Amino acid sequence: MLDLAADLVPLLDAGVPVAAVTVTAVVRSAPRGVGATLAVTRDARVIGSISGGCVESDAVMLGLEALRTSSVRRARFGFADDRAVTPIAAGLACGGAVDVVAYPIDASVRPALEAARAGRAATLRLDLDGERLDLHRAAAPRLIVLGAGEHAAALCRLGAAAGFTVTVCDDWALLVTRERFPDASELVVAAPHDYLAGLDDPDDRTAVCVLTHDERLDVPALRTALRLPVGFVGAMGARATVARRATLLRAAGVTDAELSRLHSPLGLDLGATSPEETALSVIAEIVASRNAADARPLRRGTGARLHDRGPTTSVVDAFAASCAVRSA
C-alpha cells in the first residue's frame, strides 16, 4: 500500500472511503509478491495492482465487500496443490496462488503514507481482526540529473514514474523551473560539481546522470561523481565525445579505475531517437546495473524462473563487482 501513497493521501484527505487488498502469501509463483496492494474506492475507482491482470476484478469485488461491510475479508486467488479453499474462483496465468486480505483504510495510516510519498523509508503496522500486517517501504532510490535540457526533462518524467526520487541541477536558472520539471522532487540552481560536492548521504542506490553537454560543466561534475559512493554514474554523448571526455577526465586527475565506473555512452541500445525513448534506455540501464542483470530479452533466458541469474558478460559486471567491494 505504501507504494500507492501519492494517490491515497489526497483521497484520505478528501474523506473518500477506500479499501486496500494486499497479498499476504504466495504459493509457487505469482506476478507480484507479498505486500503488493490494490486499492479501491466506493465508486470502484481502482489504484494499483496485485497481479498482471489475472485476478484484478475479483480483488476489486473483495475490496468493495470490505468497504460495504466495514470489515476485514480474506480470500485465495489462483490454483494450489494444498487443501485450501478458493472462495473466489480466479486463476493466475503463472499457475500459482495468492492469499489476500481486504480491509478499509482510514486517516490513521496517513503518517506512513506521507513518509512514503516523500520518498522516505516507511513502515505501516495494521491490526486486522487480531492478525498483524506489517508493510515496509525502503527509501526511494535517487536519480540525480545534471543538466536541464529536453533529454533531462524526459528522464525526469520516466525516472519519477519508475519510482526514483529525482533531483535536477543546472547552473542556468531559466531552465530549472517547475513548469519544465513538474515530477522532480528537488530543483537546484548551481554548478553541478558544487551540488555533488555537498551531497548528503550518497549511496549505492543513487544514480547520477550527466546531461550538461558542456565540457566545462560535465568534466568537473564527472570527476566529482566518480569519487562518490554512488551506484551508477553515466554521461550522455556520442562516441567521439566520450573519447574526448575520457582524455579530459584523465588530464583532470581521474584514474583508470575511477573511469571504469562510467557508463558512457549512456543507455541501452534500444535504437532510441526521441528524448523519451532515450530516457527509457537510460532508466533501463540503471535498473539493469542495480540488479546486476545483463538486460537480455526474457525470451532468451533459461531456467524455471524468469529472473534466474546466470553468468553475466555485459558492462554491468563492473558495477556489480564495485558494489561487492564497497560492501566488503
Protein backbone atom coordinates (compact mmCIF):
# COMPACT_ATOMS: atom_id res chain seq x y z
CA MET A 1 0.00 0.00 0.00
CA LEU A 2 2.87 2.36 0.69
CA ASP A 3 3.75 2.48 -2.99
CA LEU A 4 0.28 3.92 -3.65
CA ALA A 5 0.83 6.83 -1.27
CA ALA A 6 0.75 9.58 -3.90
CA ASP A 7 -2.80 8.57 -4.85
CA LEU A 8 -4.10 7.54 -1.43
CA VAL A 9 -3.15 10.61 0.61
CA PRO A 10 -5.38 13.01 -1.40
CA LEU A 11 -8.29 10.55 -1.20
CA LEU A 12 -7.96 10.22 2.57
CA ASP A 13 -7.68 13.99 2.94
CA ALA A 14 -10.91 14.35 0.94
CA GLY A 15 -12.69 11.80 3.11
CA VAL A 16 -13.16 9.29 0.27
CA PRO A 17 -13.85 5.75 1.59
CA VAL A 18 -11.06 3.43 0.41
CA ALA A 19 -10.27 -0.24 0.92
CA ALA A 20 -6.97 -2.00 0.26
CA VAL A 21 -6.44 -5.56 -0.94
CA THR A 22 -2.96 -6.82 -0.01
CA VAL A 23 -1.14 -10.03 -0.89
CA THR A 24 -0.16 -11.83 2.33
CA ALA A 25 1.25 -15.08 0.90
CA VAL A 26 2.30 -16.57 -2.43
CA VAL A 27 2.03 -20.24 -3.36
CA ARG A 28 4.53 -21.31 -6.04
CA SER A 29 4.56 -18.36 -8.43
CA ALA A 30 2.67 -15.10 -8.86
CA PRO A 31 3.10 -11.90 -10.92
CA ARG A 32 3.64 -9.82 -7.77
CA GLY A 33 4.87 -10.72 -4.32
CA VAL A 34 3.82 -10.37 -0.69
CA GLY A 35 2.83 -6.80 0.09
CA ALA A 36 1.51 -5.97 -3.37
CA THR A 37 -1.64 -3.92 -2.92
CA LEU A 38 -4.64 -2.79 -4.90
CA ALA A 39 -6.87 -0.02 -3.54
CA VAL A 40 -10.48 0.62 -4.50
CA THR A 41 -12.90 3.42 -3.68
CA ARG A 42 -16.62 3.00 -3.07
CA ASP A 43 -17.36 4.09 -6.64
CA ALA A 44 -14.95 1.40 -7.93
CA ARG A 45 -12.01 3.61 -8.80
CA VAL A 46 -9.02 1.24 -8.83
CA ILE A 47 -5.46 2.16 -7.84
CA GLY A 48 -2.54 -0.24 -8.10
CA SER A 49 -2.47 -3.95 -8.82
CA ILE A 50 -1.92 -7.33 -7.16
CA SER A 51 -1.33 -9.30 -10.36
CA GLY A 52 -0.73 -8.85 -14.04
CA GLY A 53 -4.50 -8.53 -14.51
CA CYS A 54 -5.44 -12.15 -13.83
CA VAL A 55 -7.42 -11.56 -10.63
CA GLU A 56 -7.93 -7.80 -10.51
CA SER A 57 -11.70 -7.91 -10.99
CA ASP A 58 -12.13 -10.38 -8.13
CA ALA A 59 -9.81 -8.34 -5.93
CA VAL A 60 -11.91 -5.25 -6.64
CA MET A 61 -15.07 -7.12 -5.65
CA LEU A 62 -13.41 -8.27 -2.42
CA GLY A 63 -12.32 -4.70 -1.64
CA LEU A 64 -15.82 -3.37 -2.29
CA GLU A 65 -17.22 -6.02 0.06
CA ALA A 66 -14.78 -4.91 2.76
CA LEU A 67 -15.99 -1.33 2.28
CA ARG A 68 -19.67 -2.32 2.27
CA THR A 69 -19.37 -4.34 5.47
CA SER A 70 -16.65 -2.22 7.14
CA SER A 71 -14.85 -5.46 7.87
CA VAL A 72 -11.77 -7.48 7.01
CA ARG A 73 -12.22 -10.03 4.23
CA ARG A 74 -9.83 -12.79 3.14
CA ALA A 75 -9.55 -14.95 0.04
CA ARG A 76 -7.24 -17.12 -2.02
CA PHE A 77 -6.94 -16.43 -5.74
CA GLY A 78 -5.46 -18.94 -8.14
CA PHE A 79 -4.53 -22.59 -8.05
CA ALA A 80 -2.74 -24.54 -5.34
CA ASP A 81 -1.87 -28.12 -4.51
CA ASP A 82 -2.96 -27.94 -0.89
CA ARG A 83 -6.42 -28.36 0.61
CA ALA A 84 -7.13 -24.66 1.00
CA VAL A 85 -10.48 -23.49 -0.30
CA THR A 86 -10.56 -20.86 -3.04
CA PRO A 87 -13.56 -18.67 -2.14
CA ILE A 88 -13.34 -16.74 -5.41
CA ALA A 89 -12.51 -18.81 -8.48
CA ALA A 90 -9.94 -16.66 -10.21
CA GLY A 91 -6.86 -18.11 -11.86
CA LEU A 92 -3.32 -16.80 -12.14
CA ALA A 93 -1.70 -17.22 -15.53
CA CYS A 94 1.52 -18.38 -13.85
CA GLY A 95 -0.26 -21.33 -12.22
CA GLY A 96 0.27 -20.25 -8.62
CA ALA A 97 -1.96 -18.73 -5.96
CA VAL A 98 -2.03 -15.73 -3.66
CA ASP A 99 -3.64 -15.23 -0.29
CA VAL A 100 -5.07 -11.73 0.09
CA VAL A 101 -6.67 -9.64 2.78
CA ALA A 102 -9.07 -6.75 2.08
CA TYR A 103 -9.64 -4.03 4.65
CA PRO A 104 -10.93 -0.45 4.88
CA ILE A 105 -8.25 2.17 5.49
CA ASP A 106 -8.60 5.47 7.27
CA ALA A 107 -6.62 8.54 8.30
CA SER A 108 -4.60 6.53 10.85
CA VAL A 109 -2.37 5.30 8.02
CA ARG A 110 -1.70 8.79 6.71
CA PRO A 111 1.67 9.45 8.51
CA ALA A 112 3.22 6.34 6.97
CA LEU A 113 1.75 7.17 3.58
CA GLU A 114 3.05 10.72 3.79
CA ALA A 115 6.57 9.47 4.56
CA ALA A 116 6.42 7.08 1.60
CA ARG A 117 5.10 9.82 -0.68
CA ALA A 118 8.09 11.98 0.27
CA GLY A 119 10.47 9.17 -0.68
CA ARG A 120 11.45 8.31 2.90
CA ALA A 121 11.56 4.85 4.45
CA ALA A 122 8.20 3.96 5.98
CA THR A 123 6.62 1.16 8.00
CA LEU A 124 2.90 0.56 8.42
CA ARG A 125 1.60 -1.87 11.05
CA LEU A 126 -2.04 -2.87 10.79
CA ASP A 127 -4.11 -4.96 13.20
CA LEU A 128 -6.64 -6.84 11.07
CA ASP A 129 -9.00 -8.76 13.34
CA GLY A 130 -6.13 -9.78 15.59
CA GLU A 131 -3.71 -10.57 12.77
CA ARG A 132 -0.87 -8.09 12.31
CA LEU A 133 0.10 -6.98 8.84
CA ASP A 134 3.44 -5.17 8.52
CA LEU A 135 4.14 -3.25 5.34
CA HIS A 136 7.55 -1.75 4.67
CA ARG A 137 8.97 0.55 2.01
CA ALA A 138 12.64 1.44 1.77
CA ALA A 139 13.57 4.99 0.87
CA ALA A 140 13.19 5.54 -2.85
CA PRO A 141 16.35 5.31 -4.95
CA ARG A 142 17.73 8.67 -6.03
CA LEU A 143 18.24 9.86 -9.58
CA ILE A 144 20.34 13.00 -9.94
CA VAL A 145 20.05 14.59 -13.36
CA LEU A 146 22.73 17.16 -14.13
CA GLY A 147 21.64 19.39 -16.97
CA ALA A 148 18.17 20.72 -17.72
CA GLY A 149 17.62 20.22 -21.45
CA GLU A 150 14.89 18.27 -23.20
CA HIS A 151 16.54 14.91 -22.56
CA ALA A 152 16.73 15.79 -18.88
CA ALA A 153 13.02 16.64 -18.83
CA ALA A 154 12.15 13.27 -20.36
CA LEU A 155 14.49 11.44 -17.97
CA CYS A 156 12.89 13.21 -15.02
CA ARG A 157 9.42 12.10 -16.11
CA LEU A 158 10.36 8.49 -16.67
CA GLY A 159 12.59 8.32 -13.60
CA ALA A 160 9.79 9.55 -11.35
CA ALA A 161 7.38 7.07 -12.95
CA ALA A 162 9.91 4.28 -12.27
CA GLY A 163 9.97 5.14 -8.56
CA PHE A 164 13.06 7.34 -8.29
CA THR A 165 13.27 10.49 -6.23
CA VAL A 166 14.57 12.85 -8.91
CA THR A 167 16.81 15.89 -8.46
CA VAL A 168 17.52 18.18 -11.41
CA CYS A 169 20.52 20.50 -11.20
CA ASP A 170 21.76 23.09 -13.69
CA ASP A 171 23.53 26.40 -13.37
CA TRP A 172 21.03 28.11 -15.68
CA ALA A 173 18.02 29.19 -13.63
CA LEU A 174 15.97 29.88 -16.76
CA LEU A 175 15.79 26.12 -17.43
CA VAL A 176 15.42 24.77 -13.90
CA THR A 177 11.74 25.51 -13.43
CA ARG A 178 8.78 23.62 -12.02
CA GLU A 179 6.95 24.04 -15.32
CA ARG A 180 9.69 22.12 -17.15
CA PHE A 181 10.21 19.54 -14.39
CA PRO A 182 6.86 19.01 -12.62
CA ASP A 183 7.84 15.50 -11.47
CA ALA A 184 11.14 16.45 -9.83
CA SER A 185 11.39 16.14 -6.07
CA GLU A 186 14.13 18.77 -5.96
CA LEU A 187 15.26 21.54 -8.31
CA VAL A 188 18.72 23.01 -7.80
CA VAL A 189 20.32 26.01 -9.48
CA ALA A 190 24.06 25.52 -9.03
CA ALA A 191 27.16 24.33 -10.78
CA PRO A 192 26.67 20.54 -10.95
CA HIS A 193 30.03 19.70 -9.35
CA ASP A 194 29.34 22.07 -6.47
CA TYR A 195 25.99 20.40 -5.86
CA LEU A 196 27.56 16.93 -5.89
CA ALA A 197 30.34 18.01 -3.54
CA GLY A 198 27.73 18.89 -0.90
CA LEU A 199 25.51 15.86 -1.49
CA ASP A 200 24.02 14.34 1.67
CA ASP A 201 24.44 10.59 2.18
CA PRO A 202 25.04 9.32 -1.37
CA ASP A 203 24.80 5.53 -1.52
CA ASP A 204 24.75 2.64 -3.95
CA ARG A 205 21.08 3.29 -4.74
CA THR A 206 21.94 6.75 -6.06
CA ALA A 207 22.35 7.23 -9.82
CA VAL A 208 24.00 10.30 -11.33
CA CYS A 209 23.38 11.14 -14.99
CA VAL A 210 25.35 13.96 -16.61
CA LEU A 211 23.44 15.56 -19.49
CA THR A 212 25.02 19.01 -19.49
CA HIS A 213 26.55 18.75 -23.00
CA ASP A 214 29.24 21.21 -21.95
CA GLU A 215 32.78 20.06 -21.18
CA ARG A 216 33.26 22.95 -18.79
CA LEU A 217 30.46 21.51 -16.65
CA ASP A 218 30.46 17.79 -17.29
CA VAL A 219 34.19 17.15 -16.69
CA PRO A 220 34.24 18.56 -13.12
CA ALA A 221 30.83 17.00 -12.44
CA LEU A 222 32.00 13.55 -13.55
CA ARG A 223 35.28 13.87 -11.66
CA THR A 224 33.29 14.55 -8.50
CA ALA A 225 30.63 11.90 -9.15
CA LEU A 226 33.13 9.12 -9.86
CA ARG A 227 34.67 9.68 -6.43
CA LEU A 228 31.35 9.39 -4.60
CA PRO A 229 29.99 6.07 -3.21
CA VAL A 230 27.09 6.11 -5.67
CA GLY A 231 25.89 3.04 -7.54
CA PHE A 232 25.74 4.48 -11.05
CA VAL A 233 27.42 7.31 -12.93
CA GLY A 234 26.52 7.90 -16.56
CA ALA A 235 27.11 10.57 -19.15
CA MET A 236 25.37 11.20 -22.46
CA GLY A 237 27.38 11.72 -25.60
CA ALA A 238 28.41 10.38 -28.98
CA ARG A 239 31.40 8.04 -29.10
CA ALA A 240 33.72 10.81 -30.24
CA THR A 241 32.53 12.95 -27.34
CA VAL A 242 33.03 10.06 -24.93
CA ALA A 243 36.60 9.54 -26.12
CA ARG A 244 37.47 13.23 -25.85
CA ARG A 245 35.81 13.45 -22.43
CA ALA A 246 37.85 10.48 -21.19
CA THR A 247 41.05 12.27 -22.22
CA LEU A 248 39.96 15.41 -20.39
CA LEU A 249 38.98 13.42 -17.29
CA ARG A 250 42.39 11.73 -17.15
CA ALA A 251 44.03 15.13 -17.52
CA ALA A 252 41.88 16.31 -14.59
CA GLY A 253 43.27 13.53 -12.41
CA VAL A 254 40.62 10.84 -12.82
CA THR A 255 42.21 7.40 -12.59
CA ASP A 256 41.52 4.50 -14.94
CA ALA A 257 39.84 2.64 -12.06
CA GLU A 258 37.50 5.58 -11.49
CA LEU A 259 36.88 5.95 -15.20
CA SER A 260 35.90 2.27 -15.49
CA ARG A 261 32.81 3.06 -13.40
CA LEU A 262 31.49 5.48 -16.01
CA HIS A 263 28.54 4.37 -18.16
CA SER A 264 29.07 6.33 -21.35
CA PRO A 265 27.60 6.47 -23.93
CA LEU A 266 24.65 6.36 -21.57
CA GLY A 267 21.75 3.95 -22.04
CA LEU A 268 20.99 0.55 -23.51
CA ASP A 269 20.87 0.14 -27.27
CA LEU A 270 17.14 0.37 -27.97
CA GLY A 271 17.54 2.25 -31.21
CA ALA A 272 16.16 5.29 -29.40
CA THR A 273 15.72 8.57 -31.28
CA SER A 274 13.39 10.81 -29.25
CA PRO A 275 14.17 12.22 -25.79
CA GLU A 276 11.53 9.91 -24.30
CA GLU A 277 12.96 6.80 -25.96
CA THR A 278 16.45 7.83 -24.88
CA ALA A 279 15.25 8.32 -21.31
CA LEU A 280 13.73 4.84 -21.40
CA SER A 281 17.09 3.40 -22.46
CA VAL A 282 18.82 5.23 -19.61
CA ILE A 283 16.38 4.05 -16.95
CA ALA A 284 16.69 0.52 -18.34
CA GLU A 285 20.47 0.60 -17.96
CA ILE A 286 20.28 1.97 -14.42
CA VAL A 287 17.83 -0.75 -13.35
CA ALA A 288 19.86 -3.48 -15.05
CA SER A 289 23.02 -2.25 -13.36
CA ARG A 290 21.37 -2.03 -9.96
CA ASN A 291 20.18 -5.63 -10.29
CA ALA A 292 23.41 -6.90 -11.87
CA ALA A 293 21.31 -8.11 -14.82
CA ASP A 294 22.55 -8.50 -18.38
CA ALA A 295 19.43 -6.91 -19.90
CA ARG A 296 18.84 -9.74 -22.37
CA PRO A 297 15.27 -10.33 -23.61
CA LEU A 298 13.44 -12.66 -21.22
CA ARG A 299 12.59 -15.00 -24.08
CA ARG A 300 16.31 -15.75 -24.43
CA GLY A 301 16.65 -16.82 -20.83
CA THR A 302 16.79 -20.36 -19.47
CA GLY A 303 15.75 -21.95 -16.19
CA ALA A 304 12.50 -22.48 -14.36
CA ARG A 305 12.11 -18.87 -13.24
CA LEU A 306 12.04 -15.73 -15.36
CA HIS A 307 14.72 -13.97 -13.35
CA ASP A 308 17.25 -16.75 -12.77
CA ARG A 309 20.67 -15.14 -12.85
CA GLY A 310 23.31 -16.91 -14.87
CA PRO A 311 26.83 -15.59 -15.54
CA THR A 312 26.73 -12.08 -16.95
CA THR A 313 29.12 -10.81 -19.58
CA SER A 314 27.95 -7.25 -20.09
CA VAL A 315 29.09 -3.90 -18.79
CA VAL A 316 27.08 -4.36 -15.60
CA ASP A 317 29.71 -6.81 -14.31
CA ALA A 318 31.96 -3.92 -13.39
CA PHE A 319 29.16 -2.28 -11.44
CA ALA A 320 28.28 -5.50 -9.58
CA ALA A 321 31.92 -6.04 -8.71
CA SER A 322 32.30 -2.50 -7.42
CA CYS A 323 29.23 -2.95 -5.21
CA ALA A 324 30.72 -6.12 -3.77
CA VAL A 325 33.97 -4.33 -3.00
CA ARG A 326 32.18 -1.47 -1.27
CA SER A 327 30.11 -3.96 0.77
CA ALA A 328 33.14 -5.97 1.90
